[in-house]
């Protein structure tokens, strides 16, 4: 008697592992480059509002001129 093997469970586990790996890589990339992304988006927002971008003392702390009192954490 020949038995038919069911590989659906194995395939599901493989997909979950791939998705988990992609998630870990995405979180690491955002953690490493998050400050640069934040500064880039802020700089684009400043340009759209015709304001000058002011670089912060650290990466990710830039702001638009005139918005000093709206900084988070103050």
PDB file of N, CA and C in Angstrom:
ATOM      1  N   UNK A   1       0.843  -1.173   0.000  1.00  0.00           N
ATOM      2  CA  UNK A   1       0.000   0.000   0.000  1.00  0.00           C
ATOM      3  C   UNK A   1       0.896   1.247   0.000  1.00  0.00           C
ATOM      4  N   UNK A   2       0.645   2.099  -0.956  1.00  0.00           N
ATOM      5  CA  UNK A   2       1.447   3.300  -1.121  1.00  0.00           C
ATOM      6  C   UNK A   2       0.734   4.475  -0.457  1.00  0.00           C
ATOM      7  N   UNK A   3       1.479   5.228   0.383  1.00  0.00           N
ATOM      8  CA  UNK A   3       0.881   6.365   1.085  1.00  0.00           C
ATOM      9  C   UNK A   3       1.252   7.657   0.366  1.00  0.00           C
ATOM     10  N   UNK A   4       0.315   8.548   0.305  1.00  0.00           N
ATOM     11  CA  UNK A   4       0.548   9.857  -0.306  1.00  0.00           C
ATOM     12  C   UNK A   4       0.955  10.831   0.799  1.00  0.00           C
ATOM     13  N   UNK A   5       2.095  11.506   0.607  1.00  0.00           N
ATOM     14  CA  UNK A   5       2.583  12.448   1.612  1.00  0.00           C
ATOM     15  C   UNK A   5       1.946  13.814   1.391  1.00  0.00           C
ATOM     16  N   UNK A   6       1.654  14.491   2.495  1.00  0.00           N
ATOM     17  CA  UNK A   6       1.066  15.827   2.443  1.00  0.00           C
ATOM     18  C   UNK A   6       2.145  16.838   2.792  1.00  0.00           C
ATOM     19  N   UNK A   7       2.523  17.688   1.836  1.00  0.00           N
ATOM     20  CA  UNK A   7       3.592  18.666   2.041  1.00  0.00           C
ATOM     21  C   UNK A   7       3.066  20.068   2.325  1.00  0.00           C
ATOM     22  N   UNK A   8       1.779  20.219   2.508  1.00  0.00           N
ATOM     23  CA  UNK A   8       1.222  21.560   2.726  1.00  0.00           C
ATOM     24  C   UNK A   8       1.733  22.189   4.016  1.00  0.00           C
ATOM     25  N   UNK A   9       1.873  21.427   5.061  1.00  0.00           N
ATOM     26  CA  UNK A   9       2.364  21.951   6.331  1.00  0.00           C
ATOM     27  C   UNK A   9       3.796  22.430   6.226  1.00  0.00           C
ATOM     28  N   UNK A  10       4.613  21.686   5.516  1.00  0.00           N
ATOM     29  CA  UNK A  10       6.004  22.067   5.329  1.00  0.00           C
ATOM     30  C   UNK A  10       6.100  23.360   4.530  1.00  0.00           C
ATOM     31  N   UNK A  11       5.295  23.487   3.496  1.00  0.00           N
ATOM     32  CA  UNK A  11       5.299  24.704   2.679  1.00  0.00           C
ATOM     33  C   UNK A  11       4.870  25.904   3.497  1.00  0.00           C
ATOM     34  N   UNK A  12       3.869  25.747   4.348  1.00  0.00           N
ATOM     35  CA  UNK A  12       3.405  26.834   5.192  1.00  0.00           C
ATOM     36  C   UNK A  12       4.507  27.297   6.142  1.00  0.00           C
ATOM     37  N   UNK A  13       5.216  26.351   6.734  1.00  0.00           N
ATOM     38  CA  UNK A  13       6.309  26.687   7.646  1.00  0.00           C
ATOM     39  C   UNK A  13       7.412  27.433   6.892  1.00  0.00           C
ATOM     40  N   UNK A  14       7.710  27.012   5.687  1.00  0.00           N
ATOM     41  CA  UNK A  14       8.728  27.699   4.893  1.00  0.00           C
ATOM     42  C   UNK A  14       8.308  29.136   4.591  1.00  0.00           C
ATOM     43  N   UNK A  15       7.046  29.355   4.227  1.00  0.00           N
ATOM     44  CA  UNK A  15       6.557  30.710   3.964  1.00  0.00           C
ATOM     45  C   UNK A  15       6.629  31.580   5.219  1.00  0.00           C
ATOM     46  N   UNK A  16       6.275  31.023   6.354  1.00  0.00           N
ATOM     47  CA  UNK A  16       6.336  31.772   7.616  1.00  0.00           C
ATOM     48  C   UNK A  16       7.782  32.157   7.938  1.00  0.00           C
ATOM     49  N   UNK A  17       8.713  31.256   7.707  1.00  0.00           N
ATOM     50  CA  UNK A  17      10.125  31.558   7.955  1.00  0.00           C
ATOM     51  C   UNK A  17      10.634  32.647   7.015  1.00  0.00           C
ATOM     52  N   UNK A  18      10.232  32.602   5.757  1.00  0.00           N
ATOM     53  CA  UNK A  18      10.643  33.629   4.797  1.00  0.00           C
ATOM     54  C   UNK A  18      10.079  34.982   5.196  1.00  0.00           C
ATOM     55  N   UNK A  19       8.804  35.035   5.555  1.00  0.00           N
ATOM     56  CA  UNK A  19       8.168  36.290   5.964  1.00  0.00           C
ATOM     57  C   UNK A  19       8.821  36.821   7.242  1.00  0.00           C
ATOM     58  N   UNK A  20       9.154  35.938   8.167  1.00  0.00           N
ATOM     59  CA  UNK A  20       9.824  36.359   9.401  1.00  0.00           C
ATOM     60  C   UNK A  20      11.189  36.962   9.101  1.00  0.00           C
ATOM     61  N   UNK A  21      11.936  36.347   8.205  1.00  0.00           N
ATOM     62  CA  UNK A  21      13.250  36.865   7.836  1.00  0.00           C
ATOM     63  C   UNK A  21      13.132  38.233   7.177  1.00  0.00           C
ATOM     64  N   UNK A  22      12.175  38.397   6.277  1.00  0.00           N
ATOM     65  CA  UNK A  22      11.953  39.693   5.625  1.00  0.00           C
ATOM     66  C   UNK A  22      11.590  40.750   6.663  1.00  0.00           C
ATOM     67  N   UNK A  23      10.766  40.399   7.635  1.00  0.00           N
ATOM     68  CA  UNK A  23      10.361  41.337   8.682  1.00  0.00           C
ATOM     69  C   UNK A  23      11.554  41.769   9.528  1.00  0.00           C
ATOM     70  N   UNK A  24      12.390  40.836   9.909  1.00  0.00           N
ATOM     71  CA  UNK A  24      13.565  41.163  10.719  1.00  0.00           C
ATOM     72  C   UNK A  24      14.503  42.086   9.940  1.00  0.00           C
ATOM     73  N   UNK A  25      14.705  41.806   8.654  1.00  0.00           N
ATOM     74  CA  UNK A  25      15.566  42.651   7.828  1.00  0.00           C
ATOM     75  C   UNK A  25      14.972  44.046   7.694  1.00  0.00           C
ATOM     76  N   UNK A  26      13.655  44.145   7.475  1.00  0.00           N
ATOM     77  CA  UNK A  26      13.004  45.450   7.329  1.00  0.00           C
ATOM     78  C   UNK A  26      13.125  46.271   8.615  1.00  0.00           C
ATOM     79  N   UNK A  27      12.926  45.646   9.753  1.00  0.00           N
ATOM     80  CA  UNK A  27      13.048  46.352  11.036  1.00  0.00           C
ATOM     81  C   UNK A  27      14.481  46.823  11.238  1.00  0.00           C
ATOM     82  N   UNK A  28      15.451  45.996  10.889  1.00  0.00           N
ATOM     83  CA  UNK A  28      16.855  46.381  11.042  1.00  0.00           C
ATOM     84  C   UNK A  28      17.205  47.561  10.139  1.00  0.00           C
ATOM     85  N   UNK A  29      16.702  47.552   8.908  1.00  0.00           N
ATOM     86  CA  UNK A  29      16.986  48.650   7.979  1.00  0.00           C
ATOM     87  C   UNK A  29      16.386  49.953   8.492  1.00  0.00           C
ATOM     88  N   UNK A  30      15.157  49.898   8.987  1.00  0.00           N
ATOM     89  CA  UNK A  30      14.523  51.110   9.523  1.00  0.00           C
ATOM     90  C   UNK A  30      15.258  51.583  10.777  1.00  0.00           C
ATOM     91  N   UNK A  31      15.705  50.665  11.598  1.00  0.00           N
ATOM     92  CA  UNK A  31      16.452  51.032  12.815  1.00  0.00           C
ATOM     93  C   UNK A  31      17.769  51.714  12.458  1.00  0.00           C
ATOM     94  N   UNK A  32      18.448  51.201  11.438  1.00  0.00           N
ATOM     95  CA  UNK A  32      19.746  51.757  11.049  1.00  0.00           C
ATOM     96  C   UNK A  32      19.588  53.077  10.305  1.00  0.00           C
ATOM     97  N   UNK A  33      18.672  53.128   9.342  1.00  0.00           N
ATOM     98  CA  UNK A  33      18.541  54.296   8.480  1.00  0.00           C
ATOM     99  C   UNK A  33      17.348  55.187   8.830  1.00  0.00           C
ATOM    100  N   UNK A  34      16.696  54.956   9.949  1.00  0.00           N
ATOM    101  CA  UNK A  34      15.507  55.713  10.327  1.00  0.00           C
ATOM    102  C   UNK A  34      15.737  57.204  10.457  1.00  0.00           C
ATOM    103  N   UNK A  35      16.860  57.590  11.045  1.00  0.00           N
ATOM    104  CA  UNK A  35      17.184  59.015  11.210  1.00  0.00           C
ATOM    105  C   UNK A  35      17.361  59.702   9.874  1.00  0.00           C
ATOM    106  N   UNK A  36      18.025  59.022   8.951  1.00  0.00           N
ATOM    107  CA  UNK A  36      18.219  59.587   7.621  1.00  0.00           C
ATOM    108  C   UNK A  36      16.881  59.755   6.903  1.00  0.00           C
ATOM    109  N   UNK A  37      16.012  58.748   7.054  1.00  0.00           N
ATOM    110  CA  UNK A  37      14.683  58.828   6.430  1.00  0.00           C
ATOM    111  C   UNK A  37      13.875  59.977   7.018  1.00  0.00           C
ATOM    112  N   UNK A  38      13.929  60.123   8.344  1.00  0.00           N
ATOM    113  CA  UNK A  38      13.193  61.193   9.005  1.00  0.00           C
ATOM    114  C   UNK A  38      13.676  62.562   8.548  1.00  0.00           C
ATOM    115  N   UNK A  39      15.005  62.740   8.458  1.00  0.00           N
ATOM    116  CA  UNK A  39      15.552  64.015   7.992  1.00  0.00           C
ATOM    117  C   UNK A  39      15.148  64.293   6.547  1.00  0.00           C
ATOM    118  N   UNK A  40      15.158  63.271   5.700  1.00  0.00           N
ATOM    119  CA  UNK A  40      14.782  63.456   4.296  1.00  0.00           C
ATOM    120  C   UNK A  40      13.327  63.875   4.167  1.00  0.00           C
ATOM    121  N   UNK A  41      12.442  63.229   4.906  1.00  0.00           N
ATOM    122  CA  UNK A  41      11.019  63.579   4.846  1.00  0.00           C
ATOM    123  C   UNK A  41      10.791  64.978   5.411  1.00  0.00           C
ATOM    124  N   UNK A  42      11.478  65.307   6.501  1.00  0.00           N
ATOM    125  CA  UNK A  42      11.350  66.644   7.086  1.00  0.00           C
ATOM    126  C   UNK A  42      11.856  67.709   6.123  1.00  0.00           C
ATOM    127  N   UNK A  43      12.971  67.426   5.468  1.00  0.00           N
ATOM    128  CA  UNK A  43      13.544  68.376   4.506  1.00  0.00           C
ATOM    129  C   UNK A  43      12.568  68.617   3.348  1.00  0.00           C
ATOM    130  N   UNK A  44      11.929  67.559   2.864  1.00  0.00           N
ATOM    131  CA  UNK A  44      10.947  67.711   1.782  1.00  0.00           C
ATOM    132  C   UNK A  44       9.747  68.520   2.258  1.00  0.00           C
ATOM    133  N   UNK A  45       9.315  68.287   3.501  1.00  0.00           N
ATOM    134  CA  UNK A  45       8.206  69.052   4.057  1.00  0.00           C
ATOM    135  C   UNK A  45       8.541  70.523   4.202  1.00  0.00           C
ATOM    136  N   UNK A  46       9.768  70.808   4.613  1.00  0.00           N
ATOM    137  CA  UNK A  46      10.208  72.206   4.738  1.00  0.00           C
ATOM    138  C   UNK A  46      10.181  72.886   3.370  1.00  0.00           C
ATOM    139  N   UNK A  47      10.663  72.190   2.357  1.00  0.00           N
ATOM    140  CA  UNK A  47      10.666  72.762   1.012  1.00  0.00           C
ATOM    141  C   UNK A  47       9.247  73.031   0.512  1.00  0.00           C
ATOM    142  N   UNK A  48       8.320  72.148   0.837  1.00  0.00           N
ATOM    143  CA  UNK A  48       6.925  72.333   0.410  1.00  0.00           C
ATOM    144  C   UNK A  48       6.281  73.529   1.100  1.00  0.00           C
ATOM    145  N   UNK A  49       6.722  73.825   2.338  1.00  0.00           N
ATOM    146  CA  UNK A  49       6.164  74.955   3.087  1.00  0.00           C
ATOM    147  C   UNK A  49       7.002  76.217   2.935  1.00  0.00           C
ATOM    148  N   UNK A  50       7.986  76.189   2.048  1.00  0.00           N
ATOM    149  CA  UNK A  50       8.894  77.314   1.820  1.00  0.00           C
ATOM    150  C   UNK A  50       9.588  77.763   3.103  1.00  0.00           C
ATOM    151  N   UNK A  51      10.052  76.780   3.883  1.00  0.00           N
ATOM    152  CA  UNK A  51      10.811  77.056   5.100  1.00  0.00           C
ATOM    153  C   UNK A  51      12.206  76.488   4.947  1.00  0.00           C
ATOM    154  N   UNK A  52      13.112  76.969   5.748  1.00  0.00           N
ATOM    155  CA  UNK A  52      14.501  76.504   5.720  1.00  0.00           C
ATOM    156  C   UNK A  52      14.641  75.297   6.637  1.00  0.00           C
ATOM    157  N   UNK A  53      15.319  74.253   6.168  1.00  0.00           N
ATOM    158  CA  UNK A  53      15.594  73.062   6.977  1.00  0.00           C
ATOM    159  C   UNK A  53      16.797  73.340   7.872  1.00  0.00           C
ATOM    160  N   UNK A  54      16.663  73.049   9.172  1.00  0.00           N
ATOM    161  CA  UNK A  54      17.739  73.236  10.137  1.00  0.00           C
ATOM    162  C   UNK A  54      18.171  71.854  10.611  1.00  0.00           C
ATOM    163  N   UNK A  55      19.449  71.541  10.402  1.00  0.00           N
ATOM    164  CA  UNK A  55      19.954  70.236  10.836  1.00  0.00           C
ATOM    165  C   UNK A  55      20.091  70.201  12.346  1.00  0.00           C
ATOM    166  N   UNK A  56      19.725  69.074  12.928  1.00  0.00           N
ATOM    167  CA  UNK A  56      19.860  68.903  14.369  1.00  0.00           C
ATOM    168  C   UNK A  56      21.263  68.481  14.746  1.00  0.00           C
ATOM    169  N   UNK A  57      21.498  68.360  16.044  1.00  0.00           N
ATOM    170  CA  UNK A  57      22.823  67.958  16.505  1.00  0.00           C
ATOM    171  C   UNK A  57      23.088  66.485  16.215  1.00  0.00           C
ATOM    172  N   UNK A  58      22.023  65.691  16.067  1.00  0.00           N
ATOM    173  CA  UNK A  58      22.135  64.269  15.740  1.00  0.00           C
ATOM    174  C   UNK A  58      21.300  63.990  14.493  1.00  0.00           C
ATOM    175  N   UNK A  59      21.566  62.860  13.882  1.00  0.00           N
ATOM    176  CA  UNK A  59      20.784  62.450  12.720  1.00  0.00           C
ATOM    177  C   UNK A  59      19.352  62.177  13.168  1.00  0.00           C
ATOM    178  N   UNK A  60      18.399  62.729  12.441  1.00  0.00           N
ATOM    179  CA  UNK A  60      16.990  62.533  12.762  1.00  0.00           C
ATOM    180  C   UNK A  60      16.396  63.639  13.613  1.00  0.00           C
ATOM    181  N   UNK A  61      17.190  64.641  13.973  1.00  0.00           N
ATOM    182  CA  UNK A  61      16.696  65.727  14.813  1.00  0.00           C
ATOM    183  C   UNK A  61      16.514  67.029  14.039  1.00  0.00           C
ATOM    184  N   UNK A  62      16.539  66.975  12.715  1.00  0.00           N
ATOM    185  CA  UNK A  62      16.342  68.169  11.911  1.00  0.00           C
ATOM    186  C   UNK A  62      14.911  68.676  12.008  1.00  0.00           C
ATOM    187  N   UNK A  63      14.725  69.963  11.741  1.00  0.00           N
ATOM    188  CA  UNK A  63      13.399  70.555  11.819  1.00  0.00           C
ATOM    189  C   UNK A  63      13.338  71.748  10.875  1.00  0.00           C
ATOM    190  N   UNK A  64      12.114  72.224  10.658  1.00  0.00           N
ATOM    191  CA  UNK A  64      11.917  73.395   9.810  1.00  0.00           C
ATOM    192  C   UNK A  64      12.103  74.662  10.646  1.00  0.00           C
ATOM    193  N   UNK A  65      12.696  75.675  10.036  1.00  0.00           N
ATOM    194  CA  UNK A  65      12.905  76.938  10.723  1.00  0.00           C
ATOM    195  C   UNK A  65      11.558  77.513  11.153  1.00  0.00           C
ATOM    196  N   UNK A  66      11.463  77.919  12.401  1.00  0.00           N
ATOM    197  CA  UNK A  66      10.211  78.440  12.934  1.00  0.00           C
ATOM    198  C   UNK A  66       9.416  77.402  13.698  1.00  0.00           C
ATOM    199  N   UNK A  67       9.825  76.130  13.637  1.00  0.00           N
ATOM    200  CA  UNK A  67       9.115  75.063  14.339  1.00  0.00           C
ATOM    201  C   UNK A  67       9.874  74.572  15.564  1.00  0.00           C
ATOM    202  N   UNK A  68      10.771  75.380  16.100  1.00  0.00           N
ATOM    203  CA  UNK A  68      11.581  74.952  17.230  1.00  0.00           C
ATOM    204  C   UNK A  68      10.728  74.597  18.444  1.00  0.00           C
ATOM    205  N   UNK A  69       9.633  75.295  18.637  1.00  0.00           N
ATOM    206  CA  UNK A  69       8.784  75.050  19.801  1.00  0.00           C
ATOM    207  C   UNK A  69       7.863  73.854  19.613  1.00  0.00           C
ATOM    208  N   UNK A  70       7.853  73.242  18.444  1.00  0.00           N
ATOM    209  CA  UNK A  70       6.999  72.083  18.191  1.00  0.00           C
ATOM    210  C   UNK A  70       7.769  70.777  18.174  1.00  0.00           C
ATOM    211  N   UNK A  71       9.023  70.799  18.537  1.00  0.00           N
ATOM    212  CA  UNK A  71       9.844  69.586  18.518  1.00  0.00           C
ATOM    213  C   UNK A  71       9.321  68.597  19.544  1.00  0.00           C
ATOM    214  N   UNK A  72       9.354  67.322  19.174  1.00  0.00           N
ATOM    215  CA  UNK A  72       8.920  66.277  20.096  1.00  0.00           C
ATOM    216  C   UNK A  72       9.930  66.139  21.217  1.00  0.00           C
ATOM    217  N   UNK A  73       9.454  65.848  22.396  1.00  0.00           N
ATOM    218  CA  UNK A  73      10.341  65.637  23.534  1.00  0.00           C
ATOM    219  C   UNK A  73      10.644  66.898  24.301  1.00  0.00           C
ATOM    220  N   UNK A  74      10.140  68.036  23.854  1.00  0.00           N
ATOM    221  CA  UNK A  74      10.379  69.295  24.576  1.00  0.00           C
ATOM    222  C   UNK A  74       9.196  69.628  25.452  1.00  0.00           C
TER     223      UNK A  74
END
